[in-house]
Amino acid sequence: MSWREGQGRAPWEKGNGGSQPDFDEIFKNIKSNFRRGGFNLLVIIAAIILLWVVFSSAYTVGVNEVGIIRRFGKYVRMTTPGLHFKLPRGIENLTKIKVKFVYTEEFGLRTLRPGINTEYAPSKQFLNESLMLTGDLNCAIVPWIVQYRIGDPYKYLFKVRNVPATLRDMSQSVVRLVVGDRSINEVISKREEIATEVKVKLQKALDDADTGIKLVNVELKKTNVPEQVQSSFNEVNQAVQEKERLIYQAREEYNKIIPKARGEAEQTIKEAEGYGLDRINRAKGDASRFLALWKEYTKAKDVTRRRLYLEAMNVVLPKLGNKYVIDPDQKGLLPLLNLQQNGEGK
């Protein structure tokens, strides 16, 4: 049975009134439509490329930033804040660096919620960063923070592969070096002094490594000792304080007694010197007087001897009290002598 007999018409006659299709006309229509659609597609592609070039060439740099332009990966220039143009992406690429923003690196602690009452994560989680040995062989937990800006964007991007990691490594090295030269009491009580020294040494190390970083601040947080040795450390501190108290008391007593003893010794010495000077002067005077008398005696012995005798009696007789001159032949003197005067014998 033929197609016409079974279904009334051949499959290629369906929808064509039973006539055979014109394949040449079909191919012409397809070619014409492709030409019109291809032109529209080229226009769309050109528009997309133009927009891509425009949007990838124009860029803006913020007031706190600088723009680093790299052409095929090589640094070519640095642009200041404002609107700028560059070659399309893929040829020239832009990297924006915040040069006025203050970055913070934390060691031995992590900030959970900043503010007036800043909350920190438990320090036990970061003991590997803050636990260190002091110069007097004590353990100390020393957390600190480092704040910095990017001072040289070129060095920051191209001289060191990973600047934040380098900063962390150098900071830990410098802090451990400085703390290792101090006693535990100095580490606890002189944090500002240690922070200043760390800042100077760390900045020098960063400059030597060409990191392009400018330190703003280094701050040591509350320093303590591990919990395992806290009680022993408190006992040692109490003993040290007691020692200092006794030393101060001894110095106070020393300052009271020693100056007094020195003053008394100085006074005794001055008195002895004065007494010695007086004795010397008197001896010199007596010697001079004796020599003068001797010269007069050699000139007139009798007169000088009599004068000396009289002067001696003038000195001695007033010291003898009452004097009685008795005739050797006189007897019965008792009634004449008043031996009791005012109840006292003389």
Protein backbone atom coordinates (compact mmCIF):
# COMPACT_ATOMS: atom_id res chain seq x y z
CA MET A 1 0.00 0.00 0.00
CA SER A 2 1.37 3.43 -1.00
CA TRP A 3 1.58 6.53 1.21
CA ARG A 4 -1.13 8.22 -0.80
CA GLU A 5 -3.41 5.26 -0.37
CA GLY A 6 -2.82 4.90 3.36
CA GLN A 7 -2.85 8.54 4.57
CA GLY A 8 -4.04 10.59 1.64
CA ARG A 9 -0.68 12.43 1.02
CA ALA A 10 3.07 12.00 1.31
CA PRO A 11 4.90 13.22 4.41
CA TRP A 12 6.65 16.00 2.51
CA GLU A 13 3.29 17.28 1.28
CA LYS A 14 1.97 18.02 4.82
CA GLY A 15 1.18 21.72 5.31
CA ASN A 16 2.11 22.60 1.73
CA GLY A 17 -1.10 21.88 -0.05
CA GLY A 18 0.45 18.73 -1.40
CA SER A 19 3.24 20.56 -3.32
CA GLN A 20 6.93 19.66 -3.06
CA PRO A 21 9.05 22.17 -0.93
CA ASP A 22 11.61 24.49 -2.58
CA PHE A 23 14.90 23.76 -0.85
CA ASP A 24 16.80 26.53 -2.63
CA GLU A 25 14.41 29.13 -1.29
CA ILE A 26 14.75 27.73 2.21
CA PHE A 27 18.55 27.99 2.04
CA LYS A 28 18.36 31.57 0.77
CA ASN A 29 16.08 32.58 3.66
CA ILE A 30 18.43 31.01 6.18
CA LYS A 31 21.46 32.77 4.68
CA SER A 32 19.69 36.11 4.63
CA ASN A 33 18.61 35.78 8.25
CA PHE A 34 22.17 34.81 9.28
CA ARG A 35 23.60 37.89 7.60
CA ARG A 36 21.16 40.24 9.37
CA GLY A 37 21.67 38.45 12.76
CA GLY A 38 25.49 38.36 12.38
CA PHE A 39 25.62 42.11 11.91
CA ASN A 40 23.56 42.67 15.05
CA LEU A 41 25.80 40.25 16.96
CA LEU A 42 28.93 42.13 15.90
CA VAL A 43 27.38 45.39 17.04
CA ILE A 44 26.55 43.91 20.44
CA ILE A 45 30.04 42.47 20.84
CA ALA A 46 31.64 45.79 19.88
CA ALA A 47 29.43 47.65 22.36
CA ILE A 48 30.36 45.21 25.13
CA ILE A 49 34.05 45.58 24.34
CA LEU A 50 33.73 49.38 24.32
CA LEU A 51 31.96 49.40 27.68
CA TRP A 52 34.55 47.04 29.12
CA VAL A 53 37.38 49.27 27.91
CA VAL A 54 35.73 52.38 29.33
CA PHE A 55 34.87 50.91 32.72
CA SER A 56 38.20 49.11 33.12
CA SER A 57 40.20 52.19 32.11
CA ALA A 58 38.60 54.84 34.34
CA TYR A 59 39.06 54.57 38.09
CA THR A 60 39.02 56.70 41.22
CA VAL A 61 41.36 56.71 44.21
CA GLY A 62 40.03 57.63 47.66
CA VAL A 63 41.40 60.45 49.79
CA ASN A 64 43.13 58.00 52.14
CA GLU A 65 44.54 55.83 49.36
CA VAL A 66 47.06 55.72 46.56
CA GLY A 67 46.79 53.70 43.36
CA ILE A 68 49.52 51.35 42.19
CA ILE A 69 49.47 50.64 38.43
CA ARG A 70 51.12 47.50 37.08
CA ARG A 71 51.53 46.85 33.36
CA PHE A 72 51.70 43.16 32.65
CA GLY A 73 52.62 42.70 36.34
CA LYS A 74 55.43 45.30 36.38
CA TYR A 75 55.14 48.47 38.46
CA VAL A 76 54.90 51.58 36.27
CA ARG A 77 53.48 54.42 38.39
CA MET A 78 51.66 55.55 41.51
CA THR A 79 48.55 57.73 41.34
CA THR A 80 47.18 60.16 43.91
CA PRO A 81 43.55 60.52 45.06
CA GLY A 82 41.07 61.51 42.35
CA LEU A 83 39.82 60.34 38.93
CA HIS A 84 42.38 58.68 36.63
CA PHE A 85 42.61 56.58 33.48
CA LYS A 86 44.71 53.59 32.57
CA LEU A 87 44.96 50.94 29.93
CA PRO A 88 42.23 48.27 30.01
CA ARG A 89 42.30 45.47 32.51
CA GLY A 90 44.64 42.73 31.52
CA ILE A 91 47.18 45.24 30.28
CA GLU A 92 47.32 47.52 33.30
CA ASN A 93 45.97 46.46 36.68
CA LEU A 94 45.16 48.68 39.67
CA THR A 95 45.86 48.01 43.34
CA LYS A 96 44.60 50.49 45.91
CA ILE A 97 46.64 50.91 49.12
CA LYS A 98 45.26 52.68 52.21
CA VAL A 99 48.23 54.78 53.32
CA LYS A 100 46.45 56.68 56.13
CA PHE A 101 44.60 53.78 57.67
CA VAL A 102 46.04 52.50 60.97
CA TYR A 103 46.37 48.72 60.98
CA THR A 104 46.63 46.76 64.22
CA GLU A 105 48.35 43.48 64.98
CA GLU A 106 47.63 41.81 68.33
CA PHE A 107 49.90 39.39 70.14
CA GLY A 108 48.79 37.24 73.04
CA LEU A 109 45.21 38.55 72.82
CA ARG A 110 42.40 39.07 70.34
CA THR A 111 39.75 41.79 70.45
CA LEU A 112 36.19 40.48 70.45
CA ARG A 113 34.31 43.74 70.89
CA PRO A 114 36.11 47.11 70.74
CA GLY A 115 34.85 50.08 72.66
CA ILE A 116 35.17 51.83 76.02
CA ASN A 117 35.06 48.45 77.78
CA THR A 118 36.91 46.40 75.22
CA GLU A 119 36.33 42.66 75.41
CA TYR A 120 39.19 40.27 74.61
CA ALA A 121 39.29 36.58 73.88
CA PRO A 122 40.73 34.34 76.66
CA SER A 123 44.50 34.83 76.75
CA LYS A 124 45.09 31.11 77.35
CA GLN A 125 44.46 30.51 73.66
CA PHE A 126 47.46 32.63 72.67
CA LEU A 127 50.10 31.70 75.26
CA ASN A 128 52.46 30.64 72.48
CA GLU A 129 52.69 34.33 71.51
CA SER A 130 52.83 36.01 74.94
CA LEU A 131 54.68 33.48 77.14
CA MET A 132 58.37 34.38 77.36
CA LEU A 133 61.43 34.19 79.61
CA THR A 134 62.79 37.25 81.43
CA GLY A 135 66.38 38.13 82.16
CA ASP A 136 66.22 36.74 85.71
CA LEU A 137 64.90 33.38 84.43
CA ASN A 138 61.24 33.98 85.32
CA CYS A 139 58.25 33.25 83.11
CA ALA A 140 56.05 36.17 82.10
CA ILE A 141 52.90 36.59 80.04
CA VAL A 142 53.43 39.74 77.97
CA PRO A 143 50.59 40.62 75.56
CA TRP A 144 51.06 43.63 73.28
CA ILE A 145 49.71 45.35 70.19
CA VAL A 146 51.45 46.99 67.23
CA GLN A 147 49.78 49.77 65.23
CA TYR A 148 51.21 50.84 61.89
CA ARG A 149 50.59 52.57 58.57
CA ILE A 150 51.84 51.78 55.09
CA GLY A 151 54.51 54.41 54.57
CA ASP A 152 55.93 53.18 51.24
CA PRO A 153 53.33 51.37 49.08
CA TYR A 154 55.93 50.29 46.51
CA LYS A 155 58.05 48.47 49.10
CA TYR A 156 54.94 47.10 50.78
CA LEU A 157 53.74 45.47 47.56
CA PHE A 158 56.94 44.43 45.82
CA LYS A 159 59.83 44.06 48.30
CA VAL A 160 58.37 41.52 50.74
CA ARG A 161 56.06 38.67 49.87
CA ASN A 162 53.89 38.69 53.01
CA VAL A 163 54.34 41.88 55.01
CA PRO A 164 51.84 41.18 57.86
CA ALA A 165 53.44 37.78 58.54
CA THR A 166 56.91 39.36 58.43
CA LEU A 167 55.75 42.06 60.86
CA ARG A 168 54.43 39.46 63.29
CA ASP A 169 57.62 37.42 63.18
CA MET A 170 59.86 40.46 63.67
CA SER A 171 57.69 41.86 66.44
CA GLN A 172 57.81 38.64 68.44
CA SER A 173 61.55 38.41 67.97
CA VAL A 174 62.20 42.00 69.12
CA VAL A 175 59.84 41.83 72.12
CA ARG A 176 61.39 38.58 73.33
CA LEU A 177 64.85 40.11 72.93
CA VAL A 178 63.98 43.20 74.98
CA VAL A 179 62.08 41.27 77.67
CA GLY A 180 64.97 38.81 77.90
CA ASP A 181 67.22 41.67 79.02
CA ARG A 182 64.91 42.76 81.86
CA SER A 183 63.92 41.33 85.22
CA ILE A 184 60.36 40.24 85.92
CA ASN A 185 59.78 43.29 88.14
CA GLU A 186 60.98 45.63 85.37
CA VAL A 187 58.74 43.89 82.82
CA ILE A 188 55.73 44.41 85.11
CA SER A 189 56.47 47.96 86.28
CA LYS A 190 58.26 49.53 83.28
CA ARG A 191 55.96 48.66 80.38
CA GLU A 192 56.11 52.11 78.74
CA GLU A 193 59.91 52.11 78.77
CA ILE A 194 60.00 48.62 77.25
CA ALA A 195 57.40 49.56 74.62
CA THR A 196 59.49 52.57 73.56
CA GLU A 197 62.60 50.44 73.20
CA VAL A 198 60.66 47.80 71.23
CA LYS A 199 59.28 50.45 68.86
CA VAL A 200 62.74 51.80 68.04
CA LYS A 201 64.29 48.38 67.44
CA LEU A 202 61.30 47.01 65.51
CA GLN A 203 61.18 50.05 63.21
CA LYS A 204 64.87 49.60 62.42
CA ALA A 205 64.34 45.91 61.60
CA LEU A 206 61.35 46.72 59.36
CA ASP A 207 63.33 49.41 57.53
CA ASP A 208 66.23 47.02 56.99
CA ALA A 209 63.80 44.49 55.47
CA ASP A 210 62.22 47.13 53.13
CA THR A 211 58.69 46.38 54.33
CA GLY A 212 57.43 49.93 53.75
CA ILE A 213 55.78 49.98 57.19
CA LYS A 214 55.78 53.01 59.51
CA LEU A 215 55.04 52.17 63.13
CA VAL A 216 52.50 54.36 64.91
CA ASN A 217 52.43 52.81 68.37
CA VAL A 218 53.62 49.81 70.36
CA GLU A 219 51.71 49.15 73.57
CA LEU A 220 52.33 46.48 76.18
CA LYS A 221 49.15 45.33 77.88
CA LYS A 222 48.87 44.11 81.47
CA THR A 223 51.81 41.82 82.19
CA ASN A 224 51.53 38.93 84.60
CA VAL A 225 53.02 35.56 85.45
CA PRO A 226 51.47 32.15 84.66
CA GLU A 227 48.82 30.88 87.08
CA GLN A 228 50.97 27.89 87.99
CA VAL A 229 53.60 30.12 89.60
CA GLN A 230 51.36 32.97 90.75
CA SER A 231 51.36 31.96 94.44
CA SER A 232 55.13 31.47 94.52
CA PHE A 233 55.62 34.77 92.76
CA ASN A 234 53.44 36.54 95.35
CA GLU A 235 55.49 35.02 98.16
CA VAL A 236 58.70 36.17 96.52
CA ASN A 237 57.28 39.67 96.13
CA GLN A 238 56.28 39.74 99.79
CA ALA A 239 59.77 38.64 100.79
CA VAL A 240 61.30 41.31 98.57
CA GLN A 241 59.01 43.96 100.03
CA GLU A 242 59.89 42.86 103.57
CA LYS A 243 63.56 43.01 102.65
CA GLU A 244 63.13 46.53 101.25
CA ARG A 245 61.24 47.59 104.39
CA LEU A 246 64.05 46.34 106.65
CA ILE A 247 66.63 48.05 104.46
CA TYR A 248 64.74 51.34 104.70
CA GLN A 249 64.47 51.00 108.47
CA ALA A 250 68.20 50.29 108.74
CA ARG A 251 68.97 53.29 106.56
CA GLU A 252 66.71 55.44 108.72
CA GLU A 253 68.51 54.34 111.88
CA TYR A 254 71.83 54.83 110.10
CA ASN A 255 70.85 58.36 109.14
CA LYS A 256 69.92 59.09 112.74
CA ILE A 257 72.93 57.58 114.52
CA ILE A 258 75.86 58.01 112.15
CA PRO A 259 75.51 61.77 111.59
CA LYS A 260 75.07 62.29 115.36
CA ALA A 261 78.17 60.19 116.09
CA ARG A 262 80.10 62.05 113.43
CA GLY A 263 79.03 65.37 114.94
CA GLU A 264 80.05 64.30 118.43
CA ALA A 265 83.37 63.00 117.11
CA GLU A 266 83.96 66.28 115.28
CA GLN A 267 83.09 68.21 118.43
CA THR A 268 85.50 66.09 120.53
CA ILE A 269 88.24 66.59 117.98
CA LYS A 270 87.70 70.35 117.94
CA GLU A 271 87.72 70.48 121.73
CA ALA A 272 90.93 68.43 121.84
CA GLU A 273 92.49 70.67 119.26
CA GLY A 274 91.42 73.74 121.22
CA TYR A 275 92.72 72.27 124.48
CA GLY A 276 96.01 71.34 122.82
CA LEU A 277 96.35 74.80 121.33
CA ASP A 278 95.61 76.35 124.74
CA ARG A 279 98.21 74.19 126.46
CA ILE A 280 100.78 75.01 123.82
CA ASN A 281 100.11 78.71 124.07
CA ARG A 282 100.29 78.59 127.84
CA ALA A 283 103.52 76.61 127.72
CA LYS A 284 104.98 79.11 125.30
CA GLY A 285 103.85 81.96 127.55
CA ASP A 286 105.32 80.33 130.66
CA ALA A 287 108.56 79.68 128.82
CA SER A 288 108.71 83.28 127.61
CA ARG A 289 107.92 84.58 131.09
CA PHE A 290 110.57 82.28 132.62
CA LEU A 291 113.15 83.46 130.13
CA ALA A 292 112.30 87.08 130.85
CA LEU A 293 112.60 86.47 134.61
CA TRP A 294 115.85 84.64 134.09
CA LYS A 295 117.27 87.60 132.19
CA GLU A 296 116.24 89.98 135.00
CA TYR A 297 117.53 87.53 137.60
CA THR A 298 120.95 87.47 135.98
CA LYS A 299 121.01 91.26 136.12
CA ALA A 300 119.91 91.64 139.83
CA LYS A 301 119.72 88.36 141.67
CA ASP A 302 118.82 89.67 145.18
CA VAL A 303 116.13 92.04 144.04
CA THR A 304 114.63 89.49 141.66
CA ARG A 305 114.70 86.74 144.27
CA ARG A 306 112.92 88.97 146.80
CA ARG A 307 110.29 90.03 144.24
CA LEU A 308 109.62 86.44 143.29
CA TYR A 309 109.26 85.51 146.93
CA LEU A 310 106.81 88.29 147.63
CA GLU A 311 104.73 87.51 144.52
CA ALA A 312 104.59 83.84 145.55
CA MET A 313 103.48 84.74 149.08
CA ASN A 314 100.85 87.08 147.64
CA VAL A 315 99.40 84.17 145.78
CA VAL A 316 99.74 81.49 148.47
CA LEU A 317 98.82 83.31 151.70
CA PRO A 318 95.22 84.29 150.68
CA LYS A 319 94.48 80.61 150.21
CA LEU A 320 95.55 79.67 153.79
CA GLY A 321 92.59 81.21 155.64
CA ASN A 322 93.08 82.72 159.14
CA LYS A 323 96.66 83.24 160.14
CA TYR A 324 98.12 83.59 163.69
CA VAL A 325 101.52 84.98 164.46
CA ILE A 326 102.68 83.67 167.89
CA ASP A 327 105.61 84.57 169.91
CA PRO A 328 107.66 81.46 170.62
CA ASP A 329 107.73 82.34 174.33
CA GLN A 330 103.99 82.90 174.63
CA LYS A 331 102.02 80.38 176.75
CA GLY A 332 98.32 79.77 177.37
CA LEU A 333 96.97 80.56 173.98
CA LEU A 334 93.71 78.69 174.18
CA PRO A 335 91.64 81.46 175.82
CA LEU A 336 92.78 83.82 173.15
CA LEU A 337 91.80 81.59 170.21
CA ASN A 338 88.19 81.28 169.18
CA LEU A 339 88.39 77.79 167.78
CA GLN A 340 84.61 77.54 167.24
CA GLN A 341 83.25 80.06 164.82
CA ASN A 342 79.71 79.52 163.59
CA GLY A 343 79.82 76.03 164.97
CA GLU A 344 82.77 75.15 162.79
CA GLY A 345 86.41 74.84 163.75
CA LYS A 346 88.99 76.82 161.91
